[in-house]
Amino acid sequence: MRKIVLTLCLCTLSTLVIAQTKKAKDTIKTEVINVVTSYTPTISDAFKIKKNPKIQLGAKNQKKQLKYQIFSAPVASTFIPKSGVAKGINMGVKERLYKNYLAAGFGNNSTPFVEAFLHHATRFKNDFGLYAKYISSENSIDTTPLNSNLSNMKFGAYYKQEERYFSWKVATNYEQNKYNWYGLPSTITFSPTTTSAINEEQTYTNFETEGEINFEDFLINSSKVHLSFFSDGLSSKELRFVLEPQFKIALKNFGRKFNDLIVDTSFDYVNGEFAQSYSAATKLEHSFFTVGVAPKYNFEYKDFTFRIGTKLYFTSDLEHKVSQVFVYPDINIHYPLVANYVNVFIGAGGDLNTNTYKSFSDENPYISPTQFITQTNKKYEFFGGLNGKLSPNVIYDLKASYRDEEDKALYLRNNSKSDGTTSISNSVPLKGYEYGNSFSVIYDDVKTLSFFGEFTVDVNKNLVFGANGEFNSYTLTNQAEAWNLPTMNAEIFGNYKTTKWYTDINIFFVSDRKDVTYSGTYPSTINGTKTLKSFVDVNINGGYHFNDKFTAFLKMNNVLNSEYQQFSNFDVQGFQVLAGISYKFDF
């Protein structure tokens, strides 16, 4: 009974609660309330995530498994491995290079020698240096009563700078050379009074400055400029200015296989004068202006290598008011008949050479300051030959050529204006070069057939030796002989070097040469020829390295003490030896 009453009470109470709830919904409308509060995370919240997220890739992004398969094929091999430990190659001791050096020595014939080179480079890609050299020989030759001493002095400086797209360099040099006209003719007996009145000294002085600029990827590939002033002790002087721009013209627009076209150009101006000629006290002058254009193109076709070009000159003799145009070929063809062993080459060329007083005095310092200067026209030259290797250690070069030169310069001995007892001619004291002891330049049209051969043998890394020789046959138009030119000259050379010792040897041979004899004193005519005997000259140069910095050196010239004449009546010194020491260092 109690259970029934309790159940009825609970049902009644539930009915009342549900009724109240329905009544509330009927009186209040439905609303959505959003409650926004700020969230302030703490460090501990970061540790609530326990699992790492997984990225699901699509089918196109799935990595593919690579499969490797090797296709082997048999290869013939003659290599047989040997057991043992591998040995390294002995490259020897690498020589250390220094930026500066000093050298000094002394030899017989009272020969002092000094040479120095100082050089410095900075991290800004510039480079500058100084150079100086002096050597002299004070003792005279016994076969002449005149002084035969000589001295050579030269010093200079340069500066070089590398920029981003070009580099440039400037330099200046000063040179002074002293010689003597000591070669009196043996056919005339000179009295002591006459020889004491001869002023035989000649001094050549040259001052020059030059500049050079090189471009990268520019129309002007490079350009050189040279300015020099040359003079002597007898009021002769010569000024020369040379400008040589080189152009590089790209031909890639016509195809990738086309190389660049190189065009060499030049502007050459020479002006000089002598106080008098050899025959009269009248001034001699020479002046030339020459413009040259020389395009050349290098290319290859199959195994052939070609250089095709030409040389075009416009020259004006300003002193005589004469202008001319010259055109020459510039062709060179090379073909490897047997690769690395036999190479064949042929070619044709020509050129215009502007002679100068300086170039003549460099070849023959005993010329008189009374020269007529003109240009030499090499009308054509054909050449061909072989070069290559007889074996991996033997290199050879053979060449034959034929050329025709108009106004080729030859050296001819001047006739004496003194009979040996007088030093005055026509009431005027004679100059130091007017006693038959000097040379003049004479010109002739000469055709020359020439053969040249050379070989070099590399015995090993320490020893190299070889030889070369040249034979020339001259055909002249007006002169009887090719004066003071040898028909044959040859050389044997060798070089031996170890870590401590080094030795160089040169043996020269020069064949007979011809010069003139006169029937009497100036202005007598030529009555015959004089033969200058052939000679052999042996020179040895050696030294010992104490260490990387100090070296003792020894130079010996004319070891056989040969008595020969380099030019007519000009005997050379006998055996000469010079010893000294050099020091290399860095700042």
Protein backbone atom coordinates (compact mmCIF):
# COMPACT_ATOMS: atom_id res chain seq x y z
CA MET A 1 0.00 0.00 0.00
CA ARG A 2 2.84 2.29 0.91
CA LYS A 3 4.59 1.51 -2.44
CA ILE A 4 1.47 2.46 -4.40
CA VAL A 5 1.09 5.77 -2.55
CA LEU A 6 4.82 6.60 -3.09
CA THR A 7 4.58 5.87 -6.79
CA LEU A 8 1.57 8.11 -7.21
CA CYS A 9 3.35 11.01 -5.47
CA LEU A 10 6.37 10.77 -7.77
CA CYS A 11 4.22 10.74 -10.88
CA THR A 12 2.32 13.78 -9.69
CA LEU A 13 5.56 15.70 -9.00
CA SER A 14 7.00 14.89 -12.46
CA THR A 15 3.80 16.07 -14.12
CA LEU A 16 4.05 19.42 -12.36
CA VAL A 17 7.68 19.95 -13.39
CA ILE A 18 7.00 19.17 -17.09
CA ALA A 19 4.00 21.50 -16.99
CA GLN A 20 6.12 24.31 -15.63
CA THR A 21 8.70 23.76 -18.39
CA LYS A 22 6.22 23.97 -21.21
CA LYS A 23 4.80 27.06 -19.73
CA ALA A 24 8.23 28.77 -19.73
CA LYS A 25 8.80 28.04 -23.45
CA ASP A 26 5.52 29.53 -24.27
CA THR A 27 6.35 32.87 -22.62
CA ILE A 28 10.07 33.36 -23.63
CA LYS A 29 11.18 33.58 -27.31
CA THR A 30 14.13 31.51 -28.60
CA GLU A 31 17.42 33.55 -28.81
CA VAL A 32 21.08 32.68 -29.65
CA ILE A 33 23.54 34.16 -27.25
CA ASN A 34 27.33 34.13 -28.16
CA VAL A 35 29.64 34.60 -25.26
CA VAL A 36 33.21 35.79 -26.30
CA THR A 37 35.97 35.66 -23.82
CA SER A 38 39.79 36.19 -24.21
CA TYR A 39 42.12 33.21 -24.17
CA THR A 40 45.41 33.50 -22.40
CA PRO A 41 47.61 30.47 -23.12
CA THR A 42 50.20 29.24 -20.72
CA ILE A 43 53.36 27.28 -21.25
CA SER A 44 51.72 24.16 -19.89
CA ASP A 45 49.14 24.27 -22.71
CA ALA A 46 51.89 23.44 -25.25
CA PHE A 47 52.33 20.02 -23.74
CA LYS A 48 48.70 19.06 -24.01
CA ILE A 49 49.07 17.89 -27.68
CA LYS A 50 50.57 14.45 -27.53
CA LYS A 51 50.32 13.33 -31.19
CA ASN A 52 52.13 14.60 -34.34
CA PRO A 53 49.99 15.53 -37.35
CA LYS A 54 50.14 13.33 -40.42
CA ILE A 55 50.16 14.81 -43.91
CA GLN A 56 48.27 12.85 -46.48
CA LEU A 57 49.90 13.16 -49.97
CA GLY A 58 47.94 12.85 -53.13
CA ALA A 59 48.57 10.09 -55.63
CA LYS A 60 50.59 12.40 -57.95
CA ASN A 61 52.96 13.42 -55.16
CA GLN A 62 53.89 9.92 -54.12
CA LYS A 63 57.62 9.11 -54.52
CA LYS A 64 58.41 6.59 -57.18
CA GLN A 65 60.81 3.81 -56.47
CA LEU A 66 63.92 3.98 -58.71
CA LYS A 67 65.24 0.82 -60.25
CA TYR A 68 68.88 0.58 -61.39
CA GLN A 69 70.14 -1.84 -64.00
CA ILE A 70 73.78 -2.10 -65.16
CA PHE A 71 74.56 -3.23 -68.70
CA SER A 72 78.11 -4.56 -68.54
CA ALA A 73 80.29 -5.11 -71.59
CA PRO A 74 83.79 -6.58 -71.78
CA VAL A 75 86.60 -4.05 -72.35
CA ALA A 76 90.03 -5.05 -73.57
CA SER A 77 92.76 -3.91 -71.22
CA THR A 78 96.50 -4.34 -71.11
CA PHE A 79 96.78 -3.01 -67.58
CA ILE A 80 98.15 -5.56 -65.11
CA PRO A 81 98.01 -4.43 -61.47
CA LYS A 82 101.10 -5.03 -59.40
CA SER A 83 101.17 -5.74 -55.73
CA GLY A 84 102.97 -3.35 -53.45
CA VAL A 85 102.67 0.14 -52.08
CA ALA A 86 101.83 2.97 -54.50
CA LYS A 87 104.72 5.42 -54.94
CA GLY A 88 104.34 9.14 -55.43
CA ILE A 89 105.88 11.00 -58.38
CA ASN A 90 109.08 12.85 -57.53
CA MET A 91 108.48 16.37 -58.81
CA GLY A 92 111.74 17.65 -57.41
CA VAL A 93 112.21 20.74 -55.30
CA LYS A 94 110.02 23.60 -56.43
CA GLU A 95 112.05 26.72 -57.01
CA ARG A 96 110.85 29.72 -55.07
CA LEU A 97 110.36 32.88 -57.10
CA TYR A 98 111.28 36.26 -55.66
CA LYS A 99 110.15 39.69 -56.77
CA ASN A 100 113.51 41.46 -56.52
CA TYR A 101 117.15 40.74 -57.20
CA LEU A 102 120.57 42.37 -57.02
CA ALA A 103 123.65 41.19 -58.90
CA ALA A 104 127.23 42.43 -58.96
CA GLY A 105 130.47 41.14 -60.42
CA PHE A 106 133.88 41.97 -61.81
CA GLY A 107 135.97 40.55 -64.62
CA ASN A 108 139.28 40.79 -66.42
CA ASN A 109 139.81 43.77 -68.72
CA SER A 110 138.59 45.85 -65.74
CA THR A 111 134.95 44.93 -66.23
CA PRO A 112 132.58 45.99 -63.43
CA PHE A 113 129.01 44.73 -63.60
CA VAL A 114 125.94 45.80 -61.58
CA GLU A 115 122.29 44.89 -62.15
CA ALA A 116 119.15 45.39 -60.03
CA PHE A 117 115.42 44.89 -60.32
CA LEU A 118 112.99 46.09 -57.63
CA HIS A 119 109.34 45.21 -57.93
CA HIS A 120 106.24 45.55 -55.78
CA ALA A 121 102.57 44.64 -56.24
CA THR A 122 99.60 45.55 -54.03
CA ARG A 123 96.21 44.00 -53.41
CA PHE A 124 94.61 46.67 -55.59
CA LYS A 125 95.98 44.89 -58.70
CA ASN A 126 98.71 47.37 -59.46
CA ASP A 127 102.36 46.64 -60.05
CA PHE A 128 105.41 48.90 -60.29
CA GLY A 129 109.14 48.38 -60.47
CA LEU A 130 112.59 49.81 -61.13
CA TYR A 131 115.40 48.38 -63.25
CA ALA A 132 119.07 49.33 -63.63
CA LYS A 133 122.12 47.77 -65.32
CA TYR A 134 125.71 48.86 -65.89
CA ILE A 135 128.66 47.06 -67.47
CA SER A 136 131.91 48.36 -68.93
CA SER A 137 135.28 47.19 -70.19
CA GLU A 138 138.10 49.62 -69.49
CA ASN A 139 141.16 47.83 -70.94
CA SER A 140 142.01 48.52 -74.58
CA ILE A 141 142.82 46.00 -77.30
CA ASP A 142 146.54 45.63 -77.99
CA THR A 143 146.23 45.74 -81.78
CA THR A 144 145.15 49.39 -81.90
CA PRO A 145 146.73 52.59 -80.56
CA LEU A 146 143.30 54.07 -79.88
CA ASN A 147 141.03 53.52 -76.91
CA SER A 148 138.72 50.53 -77.39
CA ASN A 149 136.89 50.58 -74.06
CA LEU A 150 133.10 50.52 -73.93
CA SER A 151 130.28 50.94 -71.41
CA ASN A 152 126.55 50.24 -71.39
CA MET A 153 124.16 51.81 -68.89
CA LYS A 154 120.39 51.47 -68.71
CA PHE A 155 117.75 52.16 -66.10
CA GLY A 156 113.99 52.51 -66.16
CA ALA A 157 110.71 52.27 -64.29
CA TYR A 158 107.18 51.06 -65.00
CA TYR A 159 103.70 51.09 -63.48
CA LYS A 160 100.88 48.65 -64.32
CA GLN A 161 97.24 48.74 -63.22
CA GLU A 162 94.39 46.25 -63.71
CA GLU A 163 90.87 47.67 -63.87
CA ARG A 164 87.56 45.83 -64.18
CA TYR A 165 87.33 45.85 -67.98
CA PHE A 166 90.86 46.81 -69.01
CA SER A 167 94.47 47.00 -67.87
CA TRP A 168 97.14 49.59 -68.65
CA LYS A 169 100.88 50.07 -68.28
CA VAL A 170 103.31 52.98 -68.61
CA ALA A 171 107.11 52.77 -68.64
CA THR A 172 110.12 55.00 -69.19
CA ASN A 173 113.74 54.09 -69.94
CA TYR A 174 117.05 55.87 -70.24
CA GLU A 175 120.01 54.30 -72.01
CA GLN A 176 123.58 55.46 -72.62
CA ASN A 177 126.19 53.48 -74.59
CA LYS A 178 129.79 54.53 -75.16
CA TYR A 179 131.99 53.10 -77.93
CA ASN A 180 135.16 54.08 -79.76
CA TRP A 181 136.11 54.16 -83.44
CA TYR A 182 139.31 52.23 -82.79
CA GLY A 183 139.46 50.19 -86.03
CA LEU A 184 142.15 52.03 -88.01
CA PRO A 185 142.91 50.48 -91.42
CA SER A 186 146.04 48.31 -91.46
CA THR A 187 146.98 49.55 -94.96
CA ILE A 188 147.83 53.01 -93.55
CA THR A 189 150.64 53.70 -91.07
CA PHE A 190 149.46 56.34 -88.60
CA SER A 191 152.05 58.42 -86.77
CA PRO A 192 151.80 58.91 -82.99
CA THR A 193 151.08 62.60 -83.59
CA THR A 194 148.11 61.74 -85.79
CA THR A 195 146.65 59.12 -83.47
CA SER A 196 146.93 61.46 -80.48
CA ALA A 197 144.80 64.01 -82.36
CA ILE A 198 141.96 61.54 -82.98
CA ASN A 199 138.90 61.90 -80.78
CA GLU A 200 137.56 58.38 -81.22
CA GLU A 201 134.80 58.34 -78.59
CA GLN A 202 131.12 58.12 -79.54
CA THR A 203 128.22 58.29 -77.08
CA TYR A 204 124.68 57.17 -77.89
CA THR A 205 121.84 58.35 -75.67
CA ASN A 206 118.25 57.21 -75.87
CA PHE A 207 115.28 58.31 -73.81
CA GLU A 208 111.94 56.62 -74.38
CA THR A 209 108.53 56.39 -72.83
CA GLU A 210 105.79 53.95 -73.74
CA GLY A 211 102.27 53.01 -72.77
CA GLU A 212 99.98 50.06 -73.36
CA ILE A 213 96.29 49.42 -72.72
CA ASN A 214 94.38 46.13 -73.14
CA PHE A 215 90.59 45.87 -73.20
CA GLU A 216 88.22 42.96 -72.58
CA ASP A 217 85.31 42.43 -74.99
CA PHE A 218 85.75 45.75 -76.73
CA LEU A 219 86.21 46.86 -80.34
CA ILE A 220 89.73 48.12 -79.57
CA ASN A 221 91.53 45.01 -78.37
CA SER A 222 94.73 46.83 -77.38
CA SER A 223 96.76 49.92 -78.11
CA LYS A 224 100.45 50.76 -77.76
CA VAL A 225 102.19 54.11 -77.92
CA HIS A 226 105.94 54.73 -78.07
CA LEU A 227 107.88 58.00 -77.98
CA SER A 228 111.69 58.11 -78.12
CA PHE A 229 114.46 60.63 -78.56
CA PHE A 230 117.86 59.35 -79.74
CA SER A 231 121.06 61.41 -79.95
CA ASP A 232 124.83 61.01 -80.09
CA GLY A 233 127.94 62.93 -79.05
CA LEU A 234 128.23 64.77 -82.38
CA SER A 235 124.92 66.67 -82.45
CA SER A 236 122.94 63.99 -84.29
CA LYS A 237 119.38 63.52 -83.12
CA GLU A 238 116.27 61.54 -84.00
CA LEU A 239 112.68 61.67 -82.76
CA ARG A 240 110.22 58.81 -83.26
CA PHE A 241 106.54 58.44 -82.40
CA VAL A 242 104.64 55.17 -82.94
CA LEU A 243 100.96 54.47 -82.21
CA GLU A 244 99.70 50.90 -82.72
CA PRO A 245 95.98 50.26 -82.05
CA GLN A 246 94.64 46.74 -82.60
CA PHE A 247 90.96 46.17 -83.39
CA LYS A 248 88.97 42.98 -82.85
CA ILE A 249 85.82 42.73 -84.96
CA ALA A 250 83.35 40.01 -83.97
CA LEU A 251 81.84 38.06 -86.88
CA LYS A 252 79.40 35.98 -84.82
CA ASN A 253 76.45 37.56 -86.62
CA PHE A 254 77.42 35.54 -89.70
CA GLY A 255 77.52 32.29 -87.73
CA ARG A 256 78.90 30.81 -84.55
CA LYS A 257 81.78 29.17 -86.38
CA PHE A 258 83.27 32.49 -87.46
CA ASN A 259 86.30 33.73 -85.52
CA ASP A 260 87.12 37.35 -84.77
CA LEU A 261 88.76 39.49 -87.42
CA ILE A 262 91.96 41.12 -86.12
CA VAL A 263 93.04 44.44 -87.64
CA ASP A 264 96.48 45.82 -86.73
CA THR A 265 97.00 49.50 -87.45
CA SER A 266 100.05 51.73 -87.02
CA PHE A 267 101.02 55.37 -87.21
CA ASP A 268 104.79 55.86 -87.43
CA TYR A 269 106.58 59.23 -87.52
CA VAL A 270 110.37 59.60 -87.68
CA ASN A 271 112.36 62.82 -87.90
CA GLY A 272 116.13 63.07 -87.60
CA GLU A 273 119.19 65.00 -88.71
CA PHE A 274 122.99 64.77 -88.87
CA ALA A 275 125.34 67.72 -88.54
CA GLN A 276 127.09 66.86 -91.84
CA SER A 277 127.53 64.23 -94.50
CA TYR A 278 130.77 62.29 -95.02
CA SER A 279 131.60 64.25 -98.18
CA ALA A 280 130.66 67.79 -97.14
CA ALA A 281 129.76 69.92 -94.13
CA THR A 282 126.09 70.05 -95.11
CA LYS A 283 123.27 68.95 -92.84
CA LEU A 284 121.49 65.68 -93.61
CA GLU A 285 117.84 65.28 -92.64
CA HIS A 286 115.30 62.48 -92.88
CA SER A 287 111.59 62.47 -92.09
CA PHE A 288 108.93 59.80 -92.72
CA PHE A 289 105.27 59.39 -91.85
CA THR A 290 103.73 55.95 -92.41
CA VAL A 291 100.18 54.66 -91.86
CA GLY A 292 99.64 50.91 -91.88
CA VAL A 293 96.53 48.69 -91.86
CA ALA A 294 96.90 44.91 -91.59
CA PRO A 295 93.72 42.80 -91.29
CA LYS A 296 94.16 39.07 -90.68
CA TYR A 297 91.76 36.20 -90.14
CA ASN A 298 92.55 32.81 -88.61
CA PHE A 299 90.37 29.77 -89.23
CA GLU A 300 90.49 26.00 -89.52
CA TYR A 301 89.14 23.71 -92.21
CA LYS A 302 89.34 20.00 -91.51
CA ASP A 303 93.00 19.52 -90.51
CA PHE A 304 94.24 22.71 -92.17
CA THR A 305 94.97 25.91 -90.24
CA PHE A 306 94.87 29.16 -92.21
CA ARG A 307 95.90 32.73 -91.60
CA ILE A 308 94.72 34.98 -94.40
CA GLY A 309 95.56 38.66 -94.37
CA THR A 310 97.19 41.59 -96.07
CA LYS A 311 99.32 44.61 -95.19
CA LEU A 312 98.58 48.04 -96.61
CA TYR A 313 100.90 51.02 -96.09
CA PHE A 314 100.72 54.66 -97.05
CA THR A 315 104.09 56.32 -96.53
CA SER A 316 105.32 59.82 -97.16
CA ASP A 317 108.94 60.95 -97.37
CA LEU A 318 108.39 64.41 -95.89
CA GLU A 319 111.94 65.56 -96.63
CA HIS A 320 111.74 64.81 -100.37
CA LYS A 321 107.93 65.24 -100.64
CA VAL A 322 107.30 61.80 -102.12
CA SER A 323 104.35 59.56 -101.19
CA GLN A 324 103.77 55.89 -102.01
CA VAL A 325 101.31 53.05 -101.35
CA PHE A 326 102.48 49.47 -100.71
CA VAL A 327 100.37 46.29 -100.52
CA TYR A 328 101.71 42.93 -99.30
CA PRO A 329 100.18 39.49 -98.77
CA ASP A 330 100.12 37.84 -95.34
CA ILE A 331 99.30 34.15 -95.83
CA ASN A 332 100.23 31.16 -93.71
CA ILE A 333 98.89 27.61 -94.18
CA HIS A 334 99.64 24.78 -91.78
CA TYR A 335 98.83 21.08 -92.16
CA PRO A 336 99.71 18.18 -89.81
CA LEU A 337 100.96 15.55 -92.26
CA VAL A 338 101.67 13.15 -89.39
CA ALA A 339 100.04 14.38 -86.19
CA ASN A 340 102.61 15.74 -83.69
CA TYR A 341 105.53 14.48 -85.80
CA VAL A 342 105.43 16.08 -89.26
CA ASN A 343 103.77 19.46 -89.79
CA VAL A 344 103.93 21.18 -93.16
CA PHE A 345 103.65 24.95 -93.56
CA ILE A 346 103.83 27.36 -96.48
CA GLY A 347 103.22 31.06 -96.77
CA ALA A 348 103.81 34.37 -98.47
CA GLY A 349 104.43 37.83 -97.08
CA GLY A 350 106.16 41.16 -97.36
CA ASP A 351 106.67 44.30 -95.32
CA LEU A 352 107.85 47.89 -95.23
CA ASN A 353 110.63 48.67 -92.74
CA THR A 354 111.36 52.21 -91.63
CA ASN A 355 115.10 52.38 -90.98
CA THR A 356 116.37 54.65 -88.20
CA TYR A 357 119.71 55.87 -86.93
CA LYS A 358 119.07 54.03 -83.66
CA SER A 359 118.44 50.69 -85.35
CA PHE A 360 121.63 51.05 -87.39
CA SER A 361 123.72 51.93 -84.33
CA ASP A 362 122.30 48.92 -82.47
CA GLU A 363 123.49 46.59 -85.24
CA ASN A 364 126.79 48.38 -85.88
CA PRO A 365 127.88 50.87 -83.19
CA TYR A 366 130.83 51.96 -85.36
CA ILE A 367 128.81 53.73 -88.06
CA SER A 368 129.53 57.38 -88.71
CA PRO A 369 126.93 60.09 -87.91
CA THR A 370 126.66 60.93 -91.62
CA GLN A 371 123.97 58.57 -92.86
CA PHE A 372 121.40 58.80 -95.61
CA ILE A 373 118.26 57.18 -94.15
CA THR A 374 115.52 55.61 -96.26
CA GLN A 375 112.99 52.79 -96.02
CA THR A 376 113.48 49.14 -97.02
CA ASN A 377 110.75 47.59 -99.15
CA LYS A 378 110.50 43.80 -98.81
CA LYS A 379 108.45 43.35 -101.96
CA TYR A 380 107.66 39.69 -101.33
CA GLU A 381 108.78 36.62 -99.45
CA PHE A 382 107.77 33.01 -100.06
CA PHE A 383 108.55 30.37 -97.46
CA GLY A 384 107.77 26.82 -96.50
CA GLY A 385 109.05 24.01 -94.38
CA LEU A 386 108.53 21.24 -91.88
CA ASN A 387 108.47 21.10 -88.10
CA GLY A 388 107.49 18.60 -85.47
CA LYS A 389 109.09 15.75 -83.54
CA LEU A 390 111.47 12.97 -84.53
CA SER A 391 110.69 11.36 -81.17
CA PRO A 392 109.00 12.50 -77.96
CA ASN A 393 112.29 14.15 -76.93
CA VAL A 394 113.58 15.51 -80.26
CA ILE A 395 112.05 18.64 -81.82
CA TYR A 396 113.03 19.93 -85.27
CA ASP A 397 112.30 22.91 -87.53
CA LEU A 398 113.24 23.21 -91.23
CA LYS A 399 112.51 26.26 -93.35
CA ALA A 400 113.36 27.57 -96.83
CA SER A 401 112.55 31.06 -98.07
CA TYR A 402 113.08 33.39 -101.00
CA ARG A 403 112.65 37.15 -100.70
CA ASP A 404 113.19 40.26 -102.76
CA GLU A 405 114.18 43.46 -100.91
CA GLU A 406 114.43 46.92 -102.38
CA ASP A 407 116.94 49.29 -100.70
CA LYS A 408 118.34 46.68 -98.33
CA ALA A 409 120.87 48.26 -95.95
CA LEU A 410 124.51 47.06 -96.09
CA TYR A 411 127.49 48.29 -94.04
CA LEU A 412 130.51 49.52 -95.96
CA ARG A 413 133.76 50.83 -94.45
CA ASN A 414 134.42 54.54 -95.01
CA ASN A 415 137.58 55.64 -96.78
CA SER A 416 140.18 57.48 -94.70
CA LYS A 417 140.68 61.21 -95.23
CA SER A 418 144.13 60.99 -93.62
CA ASP A 419 147.28 59.45 -95.09
CA GLY A 420 148.52 58.66 -91.60
CA THR A 421 150.53 61.83 -91.06
CA THR A 422 147.81 64.49 -91.25
CA SER A 423 144.74 65.17 -89.17
CA ILE A 424 143.45 68.11 -91.22
CA SER A 425 141.60 68.08 -94.54
CA ASN A 426 140.89 71.27 -96.47
CA SER A 427 142.03 73.34 -93.46
CA VAL A 428 139.37 71.65 -91.27
CA PRO A 429 140.33 69.26 -88.42
CA LEU A 430 139.16 65.72 -89.11
CA LYS A 431 136.42 64.16 -87.06
CA GLY A 432 137.13 61.05 -85.02
CA TYR A 433 135.36 58.82 -87.55
CA GLU A 434 137.14 60.14 -90.71
CA TYR A 435 140.28 57.99 -90.48
CA GLY A 436 138.86 54.92 -92.22
CA ASN A 437 137.64 53.66 -88.85
CA SER A 438 133.86 53.93 -89.34
CA PHE A 439 131.10 52.60 -91.58
CA SER A 440 128.37 53.98 -93.79
CA VAL A 441 125.09 52.43 -94.84
CA ILE A 442 124.78 51.68 -98.54
CA TYR A 443 121.57 50.42 -100.16
CA ASP A 444 120.98 47.88 -102.91
CA ASP A 445 118.22 45.69 -104.29
CA VAL A 446 118.94 42.19 -102.97
CA LYS A 447 117.32 38.80 -103.58
CA THR A 448 118.03 36.21 -100.90
CA LEU A 449 117.61 32.44 -100.95
CA SER A 450 117.76 31.15 -97.38
CA PHE A 451 117.74 27.73 -95.69
CA PHE A 452 117.35 27.29 -91.95
CA GLY A 453 117.35 24.22 -89.72
CA GLU A 454 117.20 23.59 -85.98
CA PHE A 455 116.74 20.67 -83.63
CA THR A 456 116.49 20.39 -79.85
CA VAL A 457 116.94 17.27 -77.73
CA ASP A 458 115.49 16.97 -74.22
CA VAL A 459 117.71 14.25 -72.80
CA ASN A 460 116.04 14.50 -69.40
CA LYS A 461 114.67 17.18 -67.10
CA ASN A 462 118.24 18.34 -66.33
CA LEU A 463 119.91 18.30 -69.76
CA VAL A 464 118.89 19.96 -73.05
CA PHE A 465 121.06 20.50 -76.11
CA GLY A 466 120.60 21.37 -79.77
CA ALA A 467 121.94 23.10 -82.84
CA ASN A 468 120.80 25.42 -85.61
CA GLY A 469 122.24 26.75 -88.83
CA GLU A 470 121.38 29.14 -91.64
CA PHE A 471 122.68 29.43 -95.19
CA ASN A 472 122.06 32.51 -97.35
CA SER A 473 122.72 33.11 -101.02
CA TYR A 474 122.59 36.77 -102.14
CA THR A 475 121.95 38.19 -105.59
CA LEU A 476 122.68 41.93 -105.77
CA THR A 477 121.79 44.47 -108.43
CA ASN A 478 124.59 47.05 -108.16
CA GLN A 479 127.10 46.02 -105.48
CA ALA A 480 129.80 43.42 -106.06
CA GLU A 481 129.24 41.69 -102.69
CA ALA A 482 126.78 41.58 -99.82
CA TRP A 483 129.12 43.66 -97.67
CA ASN A 484 129.73 42.38 -94.13
CA LEU A 485 126.99 39.73 -94.40
CA PRO A 486 127.96 36.06 -93.79
CA THR A 487 126.70 33.36 -96.10
CA MET A 488 126.50 30.89 -93.24
CA ASN A 489 126.18 30.97 -89.48
CA ALA A 490 125.54 28.17 -87.01
CA GLU A 491 125.17 27.58 -83.28
CA ILE A 492 125.49 24.63 -80.92
CA PHE A 493 123.89 25.14 -77.52
CA GLY A 494 123.36 23.17 -74.34
CA ASN A 495 121.83 23.61 -70.91
CA TYR A 496 122.42 21.53 -67.80
CA LYS A 497 120.69 22.23 -64.50
CA THR A 498 120.46 20.53 -61.11
CA THR A 499 119.21 21.67 -57.74
CA LYS A 500 122.50 23.44 -57.01
CA TRP A 501 124.38 23.79 -60.33
CA TYR A 502 123.53 25.22 -63.74
CA THR A 503 125.56 25.57 -66.94
CA ASP A 504 124.84 27.06 -70.37
CA ILE A 505 127.19 26.71 -73.34
CA ASN A 506 126.97 28.37 -76.77
CA ILE A 507 129.31 27.74 -79.68
CA PHE A 508 128.91 30.17 -82.59
CA PHE A 509 130.27 29.84 -86.11
CA VAL A 510 130.25 32.71 -88.63
CA SER A 511 131.54 32.26 -92.17
CA ASP A 512 133.67 34.62 -94.25
CA ARG A 513 132.46 38.15 -94.96
CA LYS A 514 133.54 40.74 -97.50
CA ASP A 515 134.54 44.39 -97.19
CA VAL A 516 136.23 46.91 -99.52
CA THR A 517 139.73 48.25 -100.00
CA TYR A 518 140.58 51.66 -101.45
CA SER A 519 143.33 52.76 -103.82
CA GLY A 520 144.19 55.81 -101.73
CA THR A 521 142.79 58.37 -99.35
CA TYR A 522 139.35 59.90 -99.75
CA PRO A 523 137.85 60.40 -102.34
CA SER A 524 139.63 57.49 -104.03
CA THR A 525 137.64 54.66 -105.56
CA ILE A 526 137.21 51.05 -104.48
CA ASN A 527 139.95 48.87 -105.94
CA GLY A 528 139.20 45.48 -104.39
CA THR A 529 137.69 43.42 -101.63
CA LYS A 530 138.94 42.28 -98.26
CA THR A 531 137.92 38.95 -96.73
CA LEU A 532 137.11 38.79 -93.06
CA LYS A 533 137.97 35.29 -91.89
CA SER A 534 135.39 32.97 -90.41
CA PHE A 535 135.51 32.38 -86.68
CA VAL A 536 134.28 30.18 -83.86
CA ASP A 537 133.30 31.75 -80.56
CA VAL A 538 132.69 29.66 -77.42
CA ASN A 539 130.80 31.15 -74.47
CA ILE A 540 130.07 29.43 -71.14
CA ASN A 541 127.78 30.64 -68.40
CA GLY A 542 127.38 28.80 -65.12
CA GLY A 543 126.69 29.16 -61.43
CA TYR A 544 126.02 27.59 -58.04
CA HIS A 545 122.96 28.15 -55.83
CA PHE A 546 123.95 28.36 -52.18
CA ASN A 547 120.25 28.57 -51.30
CA ASP A 548 117.06 30.10 -52.70
CA LYS A 549 118.45 33.62 -52.32
CA PHE A 550 122.21 33.55 -52.96
CA THR A 551 123.82 32.44 -56.23
CA ALA A 552 127.40 32.66 -57.44
CA PHE A 553 127.78 33.02 -61.23
CA LEU A 554 130.62 32.82 -63.73
CA LYS A 555 130.54 34.05 -67.35
CA MET A 556 133.27 33.24 -69.83
CA ASN A 557 133.30 34.65 -73.38
CA ASN A 558 135.63 33.81 -76.26
CA VAL A 559 136.93 30.82 -74.32
CA LEU A 560 139.19 29.79 -77.23
CA ASN A 561 140.80 33.24 -77.19
CA SER A 562 140.06 33.55 -80.91
CA GLU A 563 141.44 36.56 -82.77
CA TYR A 564 138.76 37.60 -85.23
CA GLN A 565 137.11 40.75 -86.52
CA GLN A 566 133.45 41.38 -86.01
CA PHE A 567 133.67 44.23 -88.53
CA SER A 568 136.54 45.18 -90.80
CA ASN A 569 139.61 46.32 -88.73
CA PHE A 570 137.70 45.97 -85.45
CA ASP A 571 139.39 43.18 -83.51
CA VAL A 572 137.49 41.74 -80.57
CA GLN A 573 138.77 41.17 -77.08
CA GLY A 574 140.35 37.82 -76.27
CA PHE A 575 139.32 35.54 -73.43
CA GLN A 576 136.93 37.30 -71.05
CA VAL A 577 135.75 36.13 -67.64
CA LEU A 578 133.29 37.74 -65.24
CA ALA A 579 132.41 36.40 -61.78
CA GLY A 580 129.91 37.68 -59.26
CA ILE A 581 127.05 36.97 -56.91
CA SER A 582 123.32 37.61 -57.03
CA TYR A 583 120.79 38.00 -54.24
CA LYS A 584 117.02 37.49 -54.58
CA PHE A 585 114.58 38.76 -52.00
CA ASP A 586 111.09 40.05 -51.20
CA PHE A 587 110.15 43.16 -49.29
